[in-house]
N, C-alpha and C. Protein backbone atom coordinates (compact mmCIF):
# COMPACT_ATOMS: atom_id res chain seq x y z
N MET A 1 -74.36 -19.26 72.84
CA MET A 1 -73.82 -18.48 71.81
C MET A 1 -72.44 -18.59 71.77
N SER A 2 -72.18 -18.74 72.75
CA SER A 2 -70.42 -18.93 72.79
C SER A 2 -69.74 -19.57 71.78
N ALA A 3 -70.31 -20.94 71.92
CA ALA A 3 -70.47 -22.11 71.05
C ALA A 3 -70.19 -21.68 69.24
N TYR A 4 -71.15 -21.05 69.26
CA TYR A 4 -71.75 -20.71 67.86
C TYR A 4 -70.35 -19.51 67.63
N ASN A 5 -70.13 -18.71 68.73
CA ASN A 5 -69.01 -17.55 68.15
C ASN A 5 -67.74 -18.28 67.74
N GLU A 6 -67.35 -19.29 68.80
CA GLU A 6 -65.99 -20.12 68.97
C GLU A 6 -66.04 -21.03 67.43
N LYS A 7 -67.11 -21.82 66.94
CA LYS A 7 -67.40 -22.26 65.60
C LYS A 7 -66.87 -21.00 64.50
N LEU A 8 -67.71 -19.93 64.21
CA LEU A 8 -67.35 -19.02 63.28
C LEU A 8 -66.12 -18.35 63.69
N GLN A 9 -65.34 -18.13 64.83
CA GLN A 9 -64.23 -18.00 64.61
C GLN A 9 -63.00 -18.82 64.09
N ASN A 10 -63.24 -20.15 64.53
CA ASN A 10 -62.49 -21.32 63.64
C ASN A 10 -62.67 -21.30 62.49
N ILE A 11 -63.99 -21.07 61.89
CA ILE A 11 -63.76 -20.86 60.41
C ILE A 11 -63.24 -19.88 59.38
N ALA A 12 -63.40 -18.75 60.45
CA ALA A 12 -62.57 -17.49 60.06
C ALA A 12 -61.09 -17.67 60.00
N VAL A 13 -60.74 -18.32 61.17
CA VAL A 13 -59.43 -18.38 61.16
C VAL A 13 -58.82 -19.45 60.31
N LYS A 14 -59.71 -20.52 59.84
CA LYS A 14 -59.15 -21.26 58.78
C LYS A 14 -58.99 -20.72 57.54
N GLU A 15 -60.05 -20.07 57.25
CA GLU A 15 -60.27 -19.36 55.88
C GLU A 15 -59.10 -17.97 55.73
N ALA A 16 -58.78 -17.77 56.99
CA ALA A 16 -57.58 -16.50 56.76
C ALA A 16 -56.32 -17.45 56.73
N ASN A 17 -56.09 -18.73 57.35
CA ASN A 17 -55.09 -19.47 57.29
C ASN A 17 -54.86 -20.08 55.55
N GLN A 18 -56.05 -20.11 55.03
CA GLN A 18 -56.33 -20.72 53.68
C GLN A 18 -55.62 -19.46 52.70
N ILE A 19 -56.15 -18.55 53.06
CA ILE A 19 -56.04 -17.27 52.45
C ILE A 19 -54.37 -16.68 52.57
N SER A 20 -53.93 -16.98 53.66
CA SER A 20 -52.74 -17.00 54.04
C SER A 20 -51.92 -17.92 53.24
N ALA A 21 -51.74 -18.97 53.37
CA ALA A 21 -51.53 -19.80 52.53
C ALA A 21 -51.14 -19.29 50.95
N SER A 22 -52.47 -19.19 50.44
CA SER A 22 -52.35 -19.31 49.13
C SER A 22 -51.66 -17.57 48.89
N ALA A 23 -51.80 -16.82 49.61
CA ALA A 23 -50.75 -15.43 49.33
C ALA A 23 -49.33 -15.85 49.44
N LYS A 24 -48.73 -16.85 50.47
CA LYS A 24 -47.63 -16.81 50.14
C LYS A 24 -47.21 -17.92 49.31
N SER A 25 -48.10 -18.72 48.78
CA SER A 25 -48.02 -19.26 47.58
C SER A 25 -47.79 -18.46 46.30
N ALA A 26 -48.66 -17.34 46.10
CA ALA A 26 -48.30 -16.69 45.01
C ALA A 26 -47.34 -15.54 45.23
N ILE A 27 -47.08 -15.16 46.10
CA ILE A 27 -45.74 -14.62 46.32
C ILE A 27 -44.66 -15.19 46.23
N LEU A 28 -44.61 -16.48 46.59
CA LEU A 28 -43.26 -17.37 46.42
C LEU A 28 -43.24 -17.69 44.92
N LEU A 29 -44.18 -17.68 44.25
CA LEU A 29 -44.41 -18.07 42.39
C LEU A 29 -44.10 -16.68 41.98
N ALA A 30 -44.37 -15.51 42.49
CA ALA A 30 -44.20 -14.29 41.80
C ALA A 30 -42.70 -14.18 41.73
N THR A 31 -42.44 -14.42 42.98
CA THR A 31 -40.86 -14.29 43.47
C THR A 31 -39.81 -14.84 42.37
N LEU A 32 -40.28 -16.31 42.45
CA LEU A 32 -39.39 -17.23 41.44
C LEU A 32 -39.71 -16.67 39.93
N ALA A 33 -40.84 -16.14 39.99
CA ALA A 33 -40.94 -15.74 38.08
C ALA A 33 -39.94 -14.62 38.06
N ALA A 34 -39.98 -13.60 38.71
CA ALA A 34 -39.06 -12.17 38.93
C ALA A 34 -37.59 -12.76 38.88
N LEU A 35 -37.17 -13.68 39.72
CA LEU A 35 -36.01 -14.29 39.53
C LEU A 35 -35.63 -14.86 38.49
N ALA A 36 -36.62 -15.59 37.64
CA ALA A 36 -36.07 -16.58 36.80
C ALA A 36 -36.31 -15.28 35.38
N LEU A 37 -36.97 -14.26 35.38
CA LEU A 37 -36.80 -13.30 34.31
C LEU A 37 -35.86 -12.44 34.47
N GLY A 38 -35.15 -12.09 35.64
CA GLY A 38 -34.18 -11.59 35.85
C GLY A 38 -32.77 -12.02 35.51
N VAL A 39 -32.83 -13.21 35.45
CA VAL A 39 -31.45 -14.44 35.27
C VAL A 39 -31.64 -14.43 33.77
N LEU A 40 -32.78 -14.43 33.28
CA LEU A 40 -32.55 -14.32 31.79
C LEU A 40 -32.53 -13.10 30.98
N SER A 41 -32.89 -12.05 31.63
CA SER A 41 -32.49 -10.65 31.44
C SER A 41 -31.01 -10.37 31.20
N ALA A 42 -30.37 -10.91 32.45
CA ALA A 42 -28.96 -10.85 32.67
C ALA A 42 -28.32 -11.60 31.51
N PHE A 43 -28.73 -12.90 31.45
CA PHE A 43 -27.77 -13.76 30.38
C PHE A 43 -27.77 -13.06 28.74
N TYR A 44 -29.32 -12.82 28.76
CA TYR A 44 -29.19 -11.92 27.11
C TYR A 44 -28.24 -10.59 27.10
N ILE A 45 -28.91 -9.65 28.21
CA ILE A 45 -27.74 -8.45 27.98
C ILE A 45 -26.25 -8.86 27.91
N THR A 46 -26.00 -9.80 29.05
CA THR A 46 -24.29 -10.27 28.87
C THR A 46 -24.04 -10.95 27.24
N ARG A 47 -24.83 -11.51 26.87
CA ARG A 47 -24.54 -12.10 25.42
C ARG A 47 -24.48 -10.92 24.60
N ILE A 48 -25.17 -10.02 24.77
CA ILE A 48 -25.29 -8.68 23.70
C ILE A 48 -23.72 -8.36 24.12
N ILE A 49 -23.78 -7.93 25.07
CA ILE A 49 -22.49 -7.23 25.56
C ILE A 49 -20.84 -7.99 25.15
N ILE A 50 -20.94 -9.22 25.42
CA ILE A 50 -20.20 -9.98 25.05
C ILE A 50 -19.74 -10.00 23.24
N SER A 51 -20.84 -10.21 22.78
CA SER A 51 -20.81 -10.21 21.33
C SER A 51 -20.05 -8.91 20.82
N ALA A 52 -20.78 -7.61 21.30
CA ALA A 52 -20.07 -6.26 20.88
C ALA A 52 -18.72 -6.58 21.14
N LEU A 53 -18.40 -6.95 22.51
CA LEU A 53 -16.69 -6.49 22.90
C LEU A 53 -16.08 -7.64 21.99
N THR A 54 -16.47 -8.87 21.53
CA THR A 54 -15.95 -9.72 20.98
C THR A 54 -15.48 -9.13 19.21
N LYS A 55 -16.41 -8.39 18.68
CA LYS A 55 -16.13 -7.92 17.59
C LYS A 55 -15.12 -6.76 17.48
N VAL A 56 -15.28 -5.88 18.69
CA VAL A 56 -14.24 -4.93 18.68
C VAL A 56 -12.58 -5.25 18.76
N SER A 57 -12.71 -6.49 19.91
CA SER A 57 -11.54 -6.89 20.27
C SER A 57 -10.95 -7.38 19.19
N PHE A 58 -11.68 -8.51 18.22
CA PHE A 58 -10.93 -9.10 17.35
C PHE A 58 -10.83 -8.27 15.97
N SER A 59 -11.73 -7.32 15.81
CA SER A 59 -10.96 -6.24 14.87
C SER A 59 -9.90 -5.38 15.30
N LEU A 60 -9.77 -5.09 16.29
CA LEU A 60 -8.52 -4.42 17.19
C LEU A 60 -7.39 -5.25 16.75
N SER A 61 -7.65 -6.53 17.19
CA SER A 61 -6.44 -7.55 17.06
C SER A 61 -5.72 -7.42 15.56
N GLU A 62 -6.58 -7.69 14.89
CA GLU A 62 -6.67 -7.99 13.67
C GLU A 62 -5.90 -6.59 12.74
N MET A 63 -6.43 -5.25 13.18
CA MET A 63 -5.78 -4.20 12.91
C MET A 63 -4.18 -4.15 13.25
N SER A 64 -3.81 -4.48 14.61
CA SER A 64 -2.54 -4.63 15.12
C SER A 64 -1.53 -5.45 14.12
N THR A 65 -2.08 -6.46 14.48
CA THR A 65 -1.52 -7.90 13.30
C THR A 65 -1.35 -7.47 12.03
N ASN A 66 -2.20 -7.40 11.24
CA ASN A 66 -1.93 -7.28 9.74
C ASN A 66 -1.76 -5.65 9.64
N CYS A 67 -2.67 -4.74 9.90
CA CYS A 67 -2.26 -3.32 9.02
C CYS A 67 -1.31 -2.86 9.87
N ILE A 68 -1.31 -2.55 11.04
CA ILE A 68 -0.25 -1.74 11.95
C ILE A 68 1.55 -2.36 11.72
N ASN A 69 1.18 -3.83 11.83
CA ASN A 69 2.44 -4.31 11.76
C ASN A 69 3.08 -4.40 10.24
N ASN A 70 2.34 -4.35 9.25
CA ASN A 70 2.70 -4.85 7.83
C ASN A 70 3.23 -3.12 8.01
N LEU A 71 2.45 -2.14 8.18
CA LEU A 71 2.70 -0.62 7.61
C LEU A 71 4.33 -0.48 8.28
N GLN A 72 4.49 -1.09 9.32
CA GLN A 72 5.98 -0.86 10.16
C GLN A 72 6.99 -1.40 9.33
N GLU A 73 6.80 -2.55 9.08
CA GLU A 73 7.42 -3.22 8.24
C GLU A 73 7.76 -2.77 7.08
N GLY A 74 7.01 -2.14 6.18
CA GLY A 74 7.09 -1.60 4.85
C GLY A 74 8.06 -0.31 5.05
N LEU A 75 7.51 0.46 5.97
CA LEU A 75 8.32 1.64 6.45
C LEU A 75 9.85 1.32 6.75
N ARG A 76 10.15 0.21 7.41
CA ARG A 76 11.21 -0.14 7.63
C ARG A 76 12.19 -0.45 6.39
N LYS A 77 11.21 -0.96 5.59
CA LYS A 77 12.00 -1.63 3.97
C LYS A 77 12.00 -0.23 3.54
N LEU A 78 11.21 0.61 3.63
CA LEU A 78 11.41 2.13 2.75
C LEU A 78 12.64 2.70 3.03
N ALA A 79 12.69 2.79 4.35
CA ALA A 79 14.08 3.52 5.03
C ALA A 79 15.52 2.90 4.30
N ASP A 80 15.35 1.33 4.45
CA ASP A 80 16.49 0.80 4.06
C ASP A 80 16.56 0.87 2.60
N GLY A 81 15.79 1.46 1.63
CA GLY A 81 15.71 1.46 0.14
C GLY A 81 15.14 0.31 -0.46
N ASP A 82 14.06 -0.58 -0.07
CA ASP A 82 13.49 -1.27 -0.48
C ASP A 82 11.91 -1.20 -0.81
N LEU A 83 11.72 -0.73 -2.32
CA LEU A 83 10.31 -0.24 -2.78
C LEU A 83 9.58 -1.52 -2.64
N ARG A 84 9.76 -2.51 -2.70
CA ARG A 84 9.10 -4.24 -3.05
C ARG A 84 8.26 -4.54 -2.34
N PHE A 85 7.96 -3.71 -1.20
CA PHE A 85 6.93 -4.26 0.20
C PHE A 85 5.99 -3.36 0.09
N ALA A 86 4.78 -4.30 -0.54
CA ALA A 86 3.52 -3.62 -0.77
C ALA A 86 2.74 -4.04 0.97
N VAL A 87 1.95 -3.01 1.12
CA VAL A 87 0.87 -3.06 2.49
C VAL A 87 -0.29 -2.96 1.78
N GLN A 88 -1.25 -3.84 2.35
CA GLN A 88 -2.74 -3.77 1.84
C GLN A 88 -3.56 -3.75 3.45
N ALA A 89 -4.52 -3.06 3.53
CA ALA A 89 -5.48 -2.71 4.47
C ALA A 89 -6.33 -4.15 4.39
N THR A 90 -6.32 -4.93 5.50
CA THR A 90 -7.12 -6.17 5.37
C THR A 90 -8.09 -6.26 6.51
N THR A 91 -8.22 -4.96 7.30
CA THR A 91 -9.10 -5.27 8.55
C THR A 91 -10.39 -4.15 8.07
N GLN A 92 -11.53 -5.02 8.82
CA GLN A 92 -12.64 -4.36 8.10
C GLN A 92 -13.64 -3.43 9.41
N GLN A 93 -14.09 -2.05 8.97
CA GLN A 93 -14.75 -1.51 10.19
C GLN A 93 -16.06 -2.61 10.96
N VAL A 94 -15.75 -2.11 11.98
CA VAL A 94 -16.78 -3.08 12.95
C VAL A 94 -18.27 -2.35 12.81
N ASP A 95 -19.23 -3.33 12.36
CA ASP A 95 -20.61 -2.86 12.15
C ASP A 95 -21.73 -3.08 13.30
N LEU A 96 -21.30 -1.96 14.18
CA LEU A 96 -22.16 -1.82 15.48
C LEU A 96 -22.75 -0.57 15.78
N ASN A 97 -24.18 -0.57 15.52
CA ASN A 97 -24.65 0.77 15.41
C ASN A 97 -25.87 0.85 16.51
N THR A 98 -24.97 0.91 17.70
CA THR A 98 -26.15 1.41 18.71
C THR A 98 -25.38 2.79 19.32
N LYS A 99 -26.28 2.89 19.89
CA LYS A 99 -26.01 4.34 20.80
C LYS A 99 -25.62 4.43 22.21
N ASP A 100 -25.17 3.10 22.77
CA ASP A 100 -24.73 3.32 24.05
C ASP A 100 -23.04 3.71 24.07
N GLU A 101 -22.38 2.88 25.04
CA GLU A 101 -20.91 2.96 25.01
C GLU A 101 -20.36 1.97 23.97
N LEU A 102 -20.88 1.01 24.02
CA LEU A 102 -20.23 -0.22 23.00
C LEU A 102 -20.48 0.47 21.78
N GLY A 103 -21.57 1.15 21.16
CA GLY A 103 -21.48 1.72 19.79
C GLY A 103 -20.21 2.64 19.50
N GLN A 104 -20.40 3.59 20.83
CA GLN A 104 -19.04 4.60 20.89
C GLN A 104 -17.64 4.01 20.69
N MET A 105 -17.75 2.92 21.19
CA MET A 105 -16.28 2.19 21.10
C MET A 105 -16.12 1.73 19.39
N ALA A 106 -17.18 1.18 19.05
CA ALA A 106 -16.91 0.83 17.65
C ALA A 106 -16.90 1.89 16.84
N GLN A 107 -17.03 3.11 17.15
CA GLN A 107 -17.21 4.42 16.19
C GLN A 107 -15.62 4.78 16.54
N SER A 108 -14.99 4.32 17.83
CA SER A 108 -13.85 4.92 18.12
C SER A 108 -12.66 4.54 17.16
N PHE A 109 -12.98 3.06 17.34
CA PHE A 109 -12.41 2.09 16.20
C PHE A 109 -12.20 2.28 14.86
N ASN A 110 -13.35 2.46 14.68
CA ASN A 110 -13.61 2.69 13.27
C ASN A 110 -12.55 3.94 12.77
N HIS A 111 -12.90 4.94 13.66
CA HIS A 111 -12.07 6.41 13.53
C HIS A 111 -10.45 6.00 13.18
N ALA A 112 -10.08 5.30 14.34
CA ALA A 112 -8.53 4.91 14.26
C ALA A 112 -8.37 3.94 13.05
N LEU A 113 -9.18 3.19 12.63
CA LEU A 113 -8.94 2.35 11.48
C LEU A 113 -8.53 3.21 10.33
N ASN A 114 -9.68 4.28 10.22
CA ASN A 114 -9.85 5.09 8.87
C ASN A 114 -8.18 5.57 8.80
N GLY A 115 -7.75 6.44 10.05
CA GLY A 115 -6.35 6.78 10.16
C GLY A 115 -5.46 5.75 9.22
N VAL A 116 -5.27 4.48 10.00
CA VAL A 116 -4.63 3.68 9.81
C VAL A 116 -4.68 3.43 8.54
N GLN A 117 -5.76 3.06 7.63
CA GLN A 117 -6.14 2.72 6.15
C GLN A 117 -5.39 4.07 5.51
N GLU A 118 -5.73 5.04 5.58
CA GLU A 118 -4.82 6.29 5.05
C GLU A 118 -3.47 6.32 5.13
N SER A 119 -2.96 5.86 6.39
CA SER A 119 -1.71 5.94 6.34
C SER A 119 -0.99 5.07 5.13
N ILE A 120 -1.44 3.99 4.97
CA ILE A 120 -1.53 2.59 4.10
C ILE A 120 -1.84 3.45 2.95
N ALA A 121 -2.72 3.79 2.53
CA ALA A 121 -2.47 4.78 1.13
C ALA A 121 -1.89 5.58 1.01
N VAL A 122 -1.18 6.39 1.98
CA VAL A 122 -0.27 7.38 1.56
C VAL A 122 1.28 6.36 1.45
N TYR A 123 1.53 5.63 2.37
CA TYR A 123 2.80 4.76 2.14
C TYR A 123 2.82 4.45 0.28
N THR A 124 1.45 3.72 0.01
CA THR A 124 1.32 3.29 -0.98
C THR A 124 1.80 4.14 -2.27
N GLU A 125 1.11 5.20 -1.83
CA GLU A 125 1.40 6.47 -3.18
C GLU A 125 2.93 6.55 -3.22
N ALA A 126 3.09 7.15 -1.54
CA ALA A 126 4.65 7.24 -1.70
C ALA A 126 5.84 5.96 -2.55
N ARG A 127 5.30 4.89 -2.05
CA ARG A 127 6.05 3.73 -2.56
C ARG A 127 6.05 3.86 -4.13
N THR A 128 4.97 4.07 -4.63
CA THR A 128 4.51 4.07 -6.20
C THR A 128 5.52 5.28 -6.80
N SER A 129 5.51 6.13 -6.18
CA SER A 129 6.24 7.59 -6.92
C SER A 129 7.61 7.33 -6.77
N LEU A 130 8.11 6.58 -5.91
CA LEU A 130 9.53 6.59 -5.69
C LEU A 130 10.03 5.57 -6.55
N THR A 131 9.32 4.52 -6.67
CA THR A 131 9.43 3.46 -7.83
C THR A 131 9.70 4.04 -9.16
N THR A 132 8.74 4.96 -9.77
CA THR A 132 8.64 5.40 -10.55
C THR A 132 10.00 6.32 -11.00
N VAL A 133 10.20 7.23 -9.64
CA VAL A 133 11.35 8.11 -9.84
C VAL A 133 12.68 7.10 -9.94
N VAL A 134 12.83 6.12 -9.16
CA VAL A 134 14.17 5.45 -9.53
C VAL A 134 14.01 4.60 -10.88
N SER A 135 13.09 4.39 -11.11
CA SER A 135 12.97 3.64 -12.82
C SER A 135 13.25 4.87 -13.63
N LYS A 136 12.80 6.06 -13.54
CA LYS A 136 13.62 6.94 -14.65
C LYS A 136 14.89 7.30 -14.24
N LEU A 137 15.27 7.43 -12.93
CA LEU A 137 16.76 7.57 -12.67
C LEU A 137 17.68 6.71 -13.81
N SER A 138 17.03 5.23 -13.12
CA SER A 138 17.59 4.09 -13.67
C SER A 138 17.86 4.06 -15.19
N ALA A 139 16.88 4.50 -15.73
CA ALA A 139 16.79 4.85 -17.30
C ALA A 139 17.56 5.85 -17.98
N ASN A 140 17.38 7.02 -17.30
CA ASN A 140 18.20 8.06 -17.39
C ASN A 140 19.87 7.61 -17.17
N ALA A 141 20.18 7.15 -16.29
CA ALA A 141 21.51 6.18 -15.68
C ALA A 141 22.07 5.60 -17.08
N ASP A 142 21.28 4.88 -17.56
CA ASP A 142 21.54 3.85 -18.55
C ASP A 142 21.64 4.46 -19.82
N GLU A 143 20.82 5.48 -20.12
CA GLU A 143 21.13 6.17 -21.10
C GLU A 143 22.31 7.28 -21.13
N LEU A 144 22.71 7.42 -19.94
CA LEU A 144 23.75 8.54 -19.95
C LEU A 144 25.02 7.37 -19.77
N SER A 145 25.00 6.13 -19.68
CA SER A 145 26.07 5.32 -19.64
C SER A 145 26.15 4.72 -21.08
N ARG A 146 24.89 4.69 -21.63
CA ARG A 146 25.47 4.39 -23.06
C ARG A 146 26.03 5.33 -24.11
N ALA A 147 25.65 6.71 -24.03
CA ALA A 147 26.13 7.95 -24.16
C ALA A 147 27.75 7.98 -24.12
N SER A 148 27.79 7.62 -22.84
CA SER A 148 29.45 7.96 -22.36
C SER A 148 30.31 6.82 -23.26
N GLN A 149 29.82 5.75 -23.25
CA GLN A 149 30.26 4.49 -24.27
C GLN A 149 30.43 5.01 -25.52
N THR A 150 29.83 5.59 -26.23
CA THR A 150 29.56 6.09 -27.57
C THR A 150 30.31 7.06 -27.46
N LEU A 151 30.40 8.15 -26.83
CA LEU A 151 31.47 9.19 -26.73
C LEU A 151 33.19 8.51 -26.56
N ALA A 152 33.20 7.70 -25.84
CA ALA A 152 34.48 6.95 -25.41
C ALA A 152 35.02 6.15 -26.75
N ALA A 153 33.89 5.54 -27.31
CA ALA A 153 34.43 4.71 -28.71
C ALA A 153 34.70 6.11 -29.99
N THR A 154 33.77 6.78 -30.12
CA THR A 154 34.32 7.90 -31.24
C THR A 154 35.73 8.56 -30.72
N SER A 155 35.76 8.68 -29.74
CA SER A 155 37.15 9.82 -29.21
C SER A 155 38.43 8.61 -29.45
N GLU A 156 38.38 7.79 -29.12
CA GLU A 156 39.44 6.71 -29.77
C GLU A 156 40.20 6.56 -30.76
């Protein structure tokens, strides 16, 4: 009977070893699948974040380089009496409609851009108004000069 029990025990041990090896293989396969899924998820999320940051960064650089620098140059020229420098807002708003921190950053950028665009519009309006005033003054000065010349000619 002991030989029979020993044989049953050996069969049970073999089956247990096979089940254990199969379980180890399944666990290893599940671990590798989870690791691969994690790496792919991290890659995907990183691409989304980098894409959003690139949009905001590019637009911020464009706003600084074009809109703000041109507005500063226009104001310097205006202060020096040069009314010929036109400034245009060239930067577009960032289209990023997410409810996370990146979306909030894009909204903050768009708010700042609206302020810069409004400042450019006010500068343009002031420049146009001053140009009109200077033109009228110049026309009045020309008319006054002609009137003075006419009076001087008639008084001689």
